[in-house]
Amino acid sequence: MSFNTIIISVLAVFLTVLVCFIISTLLPGIERKYIHARIQQRIGPPVTSPGIMAPLKFMFKENVEISSPVPNLYKALPIICFIVVLCILIALTPQAYQIPALASLVAIVGFLKVEEICYVLMGALSKSVMSVRMPFPDLTKGAAHLNATRSFVEDISARRSLRMITYGSFPLYLALFAPVTAARSIFLQDIVAYQQIHGPFLFTIAGGIAAVVFFIGYMIILNEYPFSIIKAKSDVIEGPYMEYAAKYRAIVYLTRGFFMFVLGAIFSVLFIGVPPSILSAGILVNIAVALIFVFMMGILSAFSPVFTNRQLLPTILGATLLGVLSIILGLL
């Protein structure tokens, strides 16, 4: 590979990431203004507010000092999440297919697991509420739980996050591996090449079932209603995000919109065979898929309560069985 080719490839990846990131800053605003606000019959915020204006505002806010056994790691977790999502997008670009260890489903799954684990750490490492230590149960004079093990609000969220990454993400990962049954390869380049010859995997029976499972997993990994138990406002308020303020909360906002776009790009690659690239018109497909998923998620979440374990378990089990079915049908 010549030096000029390397420069062009690096530039193409950079521009692709830049365009995708800019589009991603609009997705949260589109969801809140054109879906949630319309359903709830209100005006809603400007499209640019949740995705870009709010993070800019937080950048200039004063940070708070949280109580954590490892404060530097706790503060670094939103940055780690953003880097992980960025790595996933880079791995999806055609230029990255020359690096097999990066451009494979194993790498994609590994990055997604790191992103999930960060939520567990966010909850486990925060020992305060609004910068004030508030362990429970109360040990004031006369309390009935003097010898009880004390905990924190975020500990509840951390335990829920651990349960979700233990079994909650099964549907998403099964859906990711469904296209492998058609392409007979875990490498993104082979999966894309197969669909360019035989047509999108989405338009097969196995692909249609897997697409439904993917969407359920999409909402679960984004912690969106009805799968937002780790940050349910009824008891844990913001969950692992509770203590993030100023620039750290800005990164959280940016990462969420970026992750929404990247998950849509994963679907485009695995189910349609169109990788994100600024050098082709295929990036319009990536944008369209991201918007479709946002609209679908917004409509469903607007009418959904928060699922408790009683609703979560059968829903995840049903989606998991559908994922297994799609893989079996793909192998036939």
Protein backbone atom coordinates (compact mmCIF):
# COMPACT_ATOMS: atom_id res chain seq x y z
CA MET A 1 0.00 0.00 0.00
CA SER A 2 1.49 3.32 -1.11
CA PHE A 3 1.88 6.35 1.12
CA ASN A 4 -0.72 8.31 -0.90
CA THR A 5 -3.22 5.48 -0.48
CA ILE A 6 -2.69 5.48 3.27
CA ILE A 7 -3.20 9.26 3.42
CA ILE A 8 -6.41 9.03 1.38
CA SER A 9 -7.71 6.20 3.58
CA VAL A 10 -6.98 8.07 6.80
CA LEU A 11 -8.61 11.22 5.40
CA ALA A 12 -11.66 9.24 4.27
CA VAL A 13 -12.08 7.69 7.73
CA PHE A 14 -11.65 11.07 9.41
CA LEU A 15 -14.27 12.76 7.19
CA THR A 16 -16.65 9.82 7.60
CA VAL A 17 -16.37 10.01 11.39
CA LEU A 18 -16.81 13.79 11.31
CA VAL A 19 -19.96 13.66 9.16
CA CYS A 20 -21.43 10.83 11.24
CA PHE A 21 -20.71 12.68 14.47
CA ILE A 22 -22.33 15.89 13.20
CA ILE A 23 -25.45 13.95 12.17
CA SER A 24 -25.48 12.16 15.53
CA THR A 25 -25.76 15.45 17.43
CA LEU A 26 -29.17 15.96 15.83
CA LEU A 27 -30.63 12.53 16.65
CA PRO A 28 -31.54 13.16 20.32
CA GLY A 29 -33.23 16.43 19.35
CA ILE A 30 -35.17 14.75 16.55
CA GLU A 31 -36.36 12.09 18.99
CA ARG A 32 -37.46 14.61 21.61
CA LYS A 33 -39.00 17.28 19.34
CA TYR A 34 -40.56 15.36 16.45
CA ILE A 35 -41.59 12.23 18.34
CA HIS A 36 -41.94 12.67 22.11
CA ALA A 37 -43.16 16.27 21.91
CA ARG A 38 -45.64 15.53 19.11
CA ILE A 39 -47.04 12.50 20.92
CA GLN A 40 -47.34 14.51 24.15
CA GLN A 41 -48.81 17.48 22.24
CA ARG A 42 -46.21 20.06 23.24
CA ILE A 43 -43.68 22.18 21.36
CA GLY A 44 -40.53 20.46 22.57
CA PRO A 45 -36.93 21.71 22.57
CA PRO A 46 -35.06 22.87 19.45
CA VAL A 47 -33.54 20.00 17.47
CA THR A 48 -30.03 21.21 18.25
CA SER A 49 -30.61 21.56 21.99
CA PRO A 50 -30.18 18.01 23.42
CA GLY A 51 -27.39 16.92 21.10
CA ILE A 52 -25.08 19.92 20.76
CA MET A 53 -26.30 23.05 22.57
CA ALA A 54 -26.76 21.31 25.92
CA PRO A 55 -23.24 19.79 25.81
CA LEU A 56 -21.80 23.21 24.92
CA LYS A 57 -23.63 24.71 27.89
CA PHE A 58 -22.31 22.02 30.23
CA MET A 59 -18.75 22.61 29.02
CA PHE A 60 -18.79 25.99 30.77
CA LYS A 61 -20.43 24.81 33.98
CA GLU A 62 -18.53 24.38 37.22
CA ASN A 63 -17.64 20.79 38.00
CA VAL A 64 -18.53 19.10 41.30
CA GLU A 65 -16.29 16.99 43.50
CA ILE A 66 -17.82 13.56 43.86
CA SER A 67 -17.17 11.00 46.57
CA SER A 68 -15.57 7.96 44.93
CA PRO A 69 -12.90 5.42 45.90
CA VAL A 70 -11.32 5.96 42.46
CA PRO A 71 -12.37 9.48 41.37
CA ASN A 72 -10.05 9.70 38.36
CA LEU A 73 -11.37 6.45 36.88
CA TYR A 74 -14.95 7.53 37.58
CA LYS A 75 -14.39 10.80 35.72
CA ALA A 76 -12.67 8.99 32.85
CA LEU A 77 -15.51 6.52 32.21
CA PRO A 78 -17.58 8.86 29.93
CA ILE A 79 -14.44 9.50 27.88
CA ILE A 80 -13.78 5.77 27.65
CA CYS A 81 -17.36 5.23 26.44
CA PHE A 82 -16.94 7.86 23.73
CA ILE A 83 -13.63 6.35 22.57
CA VAL A 84 -15.19 2.88 22.44
CA VAL A 85 -18.09 4.12 20.30
CA LEU A 86 -15.60 5.92 18.06
CA CYS A 87 -13.59 2.70 17.64
CA ILE A 88 -16.74 0.82 16.63
CA LEU A 89 -17.50 3.35 13.90
CA ILE A 90 -13.93 3.24 12.62
CA ALA A 91 -14.09 -0.56 12.53
CA LEU A 92 -17.23 -0.36 10.35
CA THR A 93 -15.59 1.80 7.66
CA PRO A 94 -14.32 -0.03 4.53
CA GLN A 95 -10.80 1.34 5.06
CA ALA A 96 -10.56 -0.59 8.36
CA TYR A 97 -11.28 -3.92 6.65
CA GLN A 98 -7.56 -4.22 5.96
CA ILE A 99 -7.09 -4.83 9.70
CA PRO A 100 -8.86 -8.19 10.31
CA ALA A 101 -8.47 -8.03 14.09
CA LEU A 102 -10.40 -4.74 14.13
CA ALA A 103 -12.98 -5.33 11.41
CA SER A 104 -14.64 -8.46 12.78
CA LEU A 105 -17.73 -9.18 14.84
CA VAL A 106 -15.53 -10.32 17.70
CA ALA A 107 -14.03 -6.83 17.90
CA ILE A 108 -17.46 -5.18 17.64
CA VAL A 109 -18.86 -7.36 20.43
CA GLY A 110 -15.78 -6.67 22.56
CA PHE A 111 -16.18 -2.91 22.18
CA LEU A 112 -19.90 -3.13 22.99
CA LYS A 113 -19.16 -5.12 26.14
CA VAL A 114 -16.66 -2.50 27.29
CA GLU A 115 -19.34 0.16 26.82
CA GLU A 116 -21.78 -1.89 28.90
CA ILE A 117 -19.26 -2.56 31.68
CA CYS A 118 -18.67 1.17 32.03
CA TYR A 119 -22.24 1.54 33.36
CA VAL A 120 -21.51 -1.00 36.10
CA LEU A 121 -18.36 0.89 37.08
CA MET A 122 -20.11 4.26 36.98
CA GLY A 123 -22.64 3.08 39.53
CA ALA A 124 -20.18 1.13 41.67
CA LEU A 125 -17.64 3.97 41.93
CA SER A 126 -20.07 6.73 42.91
CA LYS A 127 -20.62 7.08 46.65
CA SER A 128 -22.61 10.30 46.80
CA VAL A 129 -25.82 11.96 45.67
CA MET A 130 -25.38 15.49 44.34
CA SER A 131 -21.88 15.46 45.86
CA VAL A 132 -23.24 14.55 49.33
CA ARG A 133 -22.59 11.14 50.88
CA MET A 134 -25.98 9.59 51.62
CA PRO A 135 -25.50 5.92 52.53
CA PHE A 136 -28.54 3.93 53.65
CA PRO A 137 -30.02 2.60 55.88
CA ASP A 138 -29.78 5.55 58.25
CA LEU A 139 -27.58 4.97 61.31
CA THR A 140 -28.74 7.92 63.37
CA LYS A 141 -29.48 7.39 67.01
CA GLY A 142 -32.50 5.18 67.43
CA ALA A 143 -32.24 3.60 63.96
CA ALA A 144 -33.34 -0.04 63.72
CA HIS A 145 -30.55 -1.14 61.33
CA LEU A 146 -27.38 -0.46 63.29
CA ASN A 147 -25.55 -3.60 62.04
CA ALA A 148 -26.83 -3.58 58.47
CA THR A 149 -24.55 -3.33 55.44
CA ARG A 150 -24.81 0.20 54.10
CA SER A 151 -25.26 0.98 50.44
CA PHE A 152 -25.70 3.94 48.06
CA VAL A 153 -28.31 4.87 45.47
CA GLU A 154 -25.87 4.23 42.62
CA ASP A 155 -25.17 0.73 43.96
CA ILE A 156 -28.72 -0.19 42.98
CA SER A 157 -28.07 1.01 39.45
CA ALA A 158 -24.74 -0.86 39.33
CA ARG A 159 -26.41 -4.14 40.31
CA ARG A 160 -29.10 -3.60 37.69
CA SER A 161 -26.43 -2.82 35.08
CA LEU A 162 -24.64 -6.05 35.96
CA ARG A 163 -27.84 -8.03 35.50
CA MET A 164 -28.50 -6.32 32.17
CA ILE A 165 -25.06 -7.11 30.75
CA THR A 166 -25.37 -10.68 32.07
CA TYR A 167 -28.57 -11.54 30.24
CA GLY A 168 -30.14 -8.33 28.91
CA SER A 169 -27.81 -7.97 25.93
CA PHE A 170 -28.34 -11.53 24.64
CA PRO A 171 -30.82 -10.42 21.95
CA LEU A 172 -28.44 -7.85 20.47
CA TYR A 173 -25.47 -10.20 20.25
CA LEU A 174 -27.54 -13.02 18.77
CA ALA A 175 -28.82 -10.59 16.13
CA LEU A 176 -25.25 -9.49 15.38
CA PHE A 177 -24.20 -13.05 14.62
CA ALA A 178 -27.26 -13.93 12.54
CA PRO A 179 -25.71 -12.53 9.30
CA VAL A 180 -22.69 -14.77 9.91
CA THR A 181 -24.87 -17.76 9.09
CA ALA A 182 -25.37 -16.43 5.56
CA ALA A 183 -21.87 -15.12 4.87
CA ARG A 184 -20.16 -17.95 6.77
CA SER A 185 -17.64 -15.44 8.09
CA ILE A 186 -17.25 -13.20 11.13
CA PHE A 187 -15.35 -10.56 9.15
CA LEU A 188 -17.26 -7.45 8.12
CA GLN A 189 -15.68 -7.37 4.67
CA ASP A 190 -17.02 -10.86 3.88
CA ILE A 191 -20.47 -10.03 5.27
CA VAL A 192 -20.67 -6.88 3.13
CA ALA A 193 -19.35 -8.68 0.04
CA TYR A 194 -21.89 -11.49 0.42
CA GLN A 195 -24.81 -9.06 0.57
CA GLN A 196 -23.57 -7.08 -2.41
CA ILE A 197 -23.81 -10.30 -4.43
CA HIS A 198 -26.88 -11.99 -2.91
CA GLY A 199 -28.82 -8.99 -1.68
CA PRO A 200 -29.41 -7.62 1.83
CA PHE A 201 -29.66 -10.18 4.60
CA LEU A 202 -32.56 -8.09 5.92
CA PHE A 203 -34.83 -9.35 3.13
CA THR A 204 -34.55 -13.00 4.15
CA ILE A 205 -36.75 -14.74 6.70
CA ALA A 206 -33.84 -15.16 9.10
CA GLY A 207 -32.79 -11.55 8.50
CA GLY A 208 -36.28 -10.19 9.14
CA ILE A 209 -36.53 -12.01 12.47
CA ALA A 210 -33.00 -10.98 13.41
CA ALA A 211 -33.82 -7.33 12.57
CA VAL A 212 -36.67 -7.35 15.11
CA VAL A 213 -34.33 -8.87 17.70
CA PHE A 214 -31.66 -6.28 16.85
CA PHE A 215 -34.10 -3.43 17.45
CA ILE A 216 -35.03 -4.81 20.86
CA GLY A 217 -31.33 -5.11 21.69
CA TYR A 218 -30.81 -1.59 20.33
CA MET A 219 -33.24 -0.18 22.88
CA ILE A 220 -31.81 -2.32 25.69
CA ILE A 221 -28.20 -1.24 25.16
CA LEU A 222 -29.29 2.41 24.90
CA ASN A 223 -31.15 2.00 28.21
CA GLU A 224 -34.24 3.53 26.67
CA TYR A 225 -37.84 3.07 27.86
CA PRO A 226 -39.09 0.48 28.58
CA PHE A 227 -35.59 -0.93 29.24
CA SER A 228 -34.28 2.01 31.30
CA ILE A 229 -34.27 0.25 34.66
CA ILE A 230 -30.64 1.18 35.39
CA LYS A 231 -31.51 4.88 35.33
CA ALA A 232 -35.19 4.82 36.22
CA LYS A 233 -36.22 8.25 37.47
CA SER A 234 -38.68 6.75 39.93
CA ASP A 235 -36.01 5.42 42.29
CA VAL A 236 -32.39 5.80 41.10
CA ILE A 237 -33.10 9.09 39.29
CA GLU A 238 -30.24 9.22 36.75
CA GLY A 239 -28.48 6.08 37.95
CA PRO A 240 -24.82 5.93 36.89
CA TYR A 241 -25.04 9.44 35.37
CA MET A 242 -26.18 11.08 38.61
CA GLU A 243 -22.86 12.62 39.67
CA TYR A 244 -21.57 13.67 36.28
CA ALA A 245 -21.59 17.42 35.78
CA ALA A 246 -20.00 20.09 33.60
CA LYS A 247 -17.73 18.69 30.86
CA TYR A 248 -18.28 15.09 31.95
CA ARG A 249 -22.05 15.37 31.47
CA ALA A 250 -21.39 17.05 28.13
CA ILE A 251 -19.46 13.96 27.03
CA VAL A 252 -22.32 11.75 28.23
CA TYR A 253 -24.77 13.71 26.05
CA LEU A 254 -22.50 13.58 23.00
CA THR A 255 -21.80 9.87 23.43
CA ARG A 256 -25.46 8.95 23.55
CA GLY A 257 -26.29 10.60 20.23
CA PHE A 258 -23.11 9.21 18.68
CA PHE A 259 -23.94 5.71 19.94
CA MET A 260 -27.43 5.92 18.44
CA PHE A 261 -25.89 6.61 15.03
CA VAL A 262 -23.21 3.92 15.36
CA LEU A 263 -25.76 1.25 16.26
CA GLY A 264 -27.66 2.18 13.11
CA ALA A 265 -24.41 1.89 11.14
CA ILE A 266 -23.85 -1.60 12.57
CA PHE A 267 -27.29 -2.58 11.28
CA SER A 268 -26.51 -1.07 7.87
CA VAL A 269 -23.33 -3.13 7.58
CA LEU A 270 -24.68 -6.46 8.86
CA PHE A 271 -28.21 -6.43 7.47
CA ILE A 272 -27.99 -4.28 4.32
CA GLY A 273 -24.34 -4.57 3.36
CA VAL A 274 -23.68 -0.81 3.27
CA PRO A 275 -20.69 0.36 5.34
CA PRO A 276 -20.33 4.03 6.36
CA SER A 277 -18.04 5.88 3.96
CA ILE A 278 -17.91 9.48 2.87
CA LEU A 279 -16.58 8.27 -0.49
CA SER A 280 -19.87 6.66 -1.49
CA ALA A 281 -23.56 7.44 -1.47
CA GLY A 282 -24.00 4.57 0.94
CA ILE A 283 -23.59 6.96 3.84
CA LEU A 284 -27.08 8.23 3.02
CA VAL A 285 -28.33 4.72 3.78
CA ASN A 286 -26.53 4.83 7.13
CA ILE A 287 -28.18 8.17 7.94
CA ALA A 288 -31.61 6.88 6.86
CA VAL A 289 -31.27 3.74 9.00
CA ALA A 290 -30.19 5.80 12.01
CA LEU A 291 -33.23 8.08 11.59
CA ILE A 292 -35.62 5.15 11.18
CA PHE A 293 -34.35 3.55 14.37
CA VAL A 294 -34.66 6.85 16.24
CA PHE A 295 -38.26 7.29 15.11
CA MET A 296 -39.15 3.70 16.00
CA MET A 297 -37.47 3.95 19.40
CA GLY A 298 -39.08 7.33 20.11
CA ILE A 299 -42.58 6.07 19.33
CA LEU A 300 -42.18 2.92 21.43
CA SER A 301 -40.52 4.66 24.38
CA ALA A 302 -43.13 7.44 24.43
CA PHE A 303 -45.87 4.91 25.20
CA SER A 304 -43.86 2.60 27.46
CA PRO A 305 -43.40 2.52 31.24
CA VAL A 306 -40.19 1.31 32.84
CA PHE A 307 -40.07 -2.50 32.80
CA THR A 308 -39.31 -4.16 36.11
CA ASN A 309 -37.68 -7.59 36.29
CA ARG A 310 -41.12 -9.15 36.03
CA GLN A 311 -41.52 -7.68 32.54
CA LEU A 312 -37.85 -7.61 31.56
CA LEU A 313 -37.14 -11.31 31.95
CA PRO A 314 -39.90 -12.67 29.69
CA THR A 315 -39.29 -9.94 27.10
CA ILE A 316 -35.57 -10.66 26.94
CA LEU A 317 -36.19 -14.42 26.96
CA GLY A 318 -38.65 -14.10 24.07
CA ALA A 319 -36.25 -11.94 22.07
CA THR A 320 -33.42 -14.37 22.80
CA LEU A 321 -35.46 -17.30 21.50
CA LEU A 322 -36.25 -15.31 18.35
CA GLY A 323 -32.53 -14.64 17.94
CA VAL A 324 -31.76 -18.34 18.23
CA LEU A 325 -34.50 -19.07 15.68
CA SER A 326 -33.02 -16.58 13.20
CA ILE A 327 -29.60 -18.24 13.52
CA ILE A 328 -31.09 -21.71 13.02
CA LEU A 329 -33.02 -20.56 9.94
CA GLY A 330 -29.86 -18.95 8.58
CA LEU A 331 -27.98 -22.23 8.88
CA LEU A 332 -30.59 -24.17 6.94
